[in-house]
Amino acid sequence: MIERKRHIAKAITWRFLGTLDTVAIGWFVSGDLAIGASIGILELVTKTLLYYAHERVWYRSSYGVEKK
């Protein structure tokens, strides 16, 4: 059995890697680490909110749900 803490750890580390990637890309494109970090922080906040909204929409959808 897989514990919930494993899923939580995977979600946190995945989000961390995704944000690091965005910071690196922002830094590379702009040439400024502060701009890259700002983009990374903004991305972290917006993607968290978008993910929540996306989950709520899917929760209300019956697509792919079989009734017994």
Protein backbone atom coordinates (compact mmCIF):
# COMPACT_ATOMS: atom_id res chain seq x y z
CA MET A 1 0.00 0.00 0.00
CA ILE A 2 1.26 3.45 -0.87
CA GLU A 3 0.87 6.10 1.81
CA ARG A 4 -0.54 9.56 1.16
CA LYS A 5 2.69 11.18 2.29
CA ARG A 6 4.36 9.69 -0.78
CA HIS A 7 1.82 11.39 -3.06
CA ILE A 8 2.24 14.66 -1.19
CA ALA A 9 6.04 14.44 -1.44
CA LYS A 10 5.83 13.68 -5.17
CA ALA A 11 3.48 16.62 -5.78
CA ILE A 12 5.71 19.03 -3.86
CA THR A 13 8.94 17.88 -5.52
CA TRP A 14 7.32 17.96 -8.97
CA ARG A 15 6.05 21.52 -8.40
CA PHE A 16 9.51 22.52 -7.13
CA LEU A 17 11.19 21.11 -10.25
CA GLY A 18 8.63 22.79 -12.50
CA THR A 19 9.18 26.15 -10.84
CA LEU A 20 12.98 25.75 -11.01
CA ASP A 21 12.63 25.05 -14.72
CA THR A 22 10.55 28.19 -15.20
CA VAL A 23 13.07 30.29 -13.25
CA ALA A 24 15.91 28.91 -15.38
CA ILE A 25 14.06 29.61 -18.62
CA GLY A 26 13.11 33.11 -17.46
CA TRP A 27 16.72 33.77 -16.47
CA PHE A 28 18.03 32.42 -19.79
CA VAL A 29 15.59 34.47 -21.88
CA SER A 30 15.91 37.71 -19.91
CA GLY A 31 19.53 37.41 -18.77
CA ASP A 32 18.42 38.53 -15.30
CA LEU A 33 18.06 36.12 -12.38
CA ALA A 34 15.65 38.46 -10.54
CA ILE A 35 13.32 38.47 -13.53
CA GLY A 36 13.58 34.68 -13.81
CA ALA A 37 12.75 34.32 -10.11
CA SER A 38 9.81 36.71 -10.43
CA ILE A 39 8.44 34.71 -13.33
CA GLY A 40 8.93 31.49 -11.34
CA ILE A 41 7.05 32.83 -8.31
CA LEU A 42 4.22 34.14 -10.49
CA GLU A 43 4.06 30.79 -12.29
CA LEU A 44 3.91 28.92 -8.99
CA VAL A 45 0.94 30.95 -7.78
CA THR A 46 -0.99 30.99 -11.07
CA LYS A 47 -0.50 27.30 -11.81
CA THR A 48 -1.60 26.34 -8.31
CA LEU A 49 -4.81 28.36 -8.72
CA LEU A 50 -5.39 27.05 -12.24
CA TYR A 51 -4.87 23.47 -11.07
CA TYR A 52 -7.44 23.94 -8.30
CA ALA A 53 -9.98 25.42 -10.72
CA HIS A 54 -9.29 22.62 -13.22
CA GLU A 55 -9.85 19.98 -10.54
CA ARG A 56 -13.14 21.58 -9.46
CA VAL A 57 -14.44 21.58 -13.05
CA TRP A 58 -13.51 17.90 -13.49
CA TYR A 59 -15.05 17.05 -10.12
CA ARG A 60 -18.39 18.39 -11.37
CA SER A 61 -18.10 16.59 -14.70
CA SER A 62 -19.53 13.12 -15.19
CA TYR A 63 -17.28 12.44 -18.19
CA GLY A 64 -15.82 8.95 -17.93
CA VAL A 65 -17.69 8.07 -14.74
CA GLU A 66 -19.64 4.84 -14.82
CA LYS A 67 -22.80 4.56 -12.75
CA LYS A 68 -23.37 1.21 -11.11
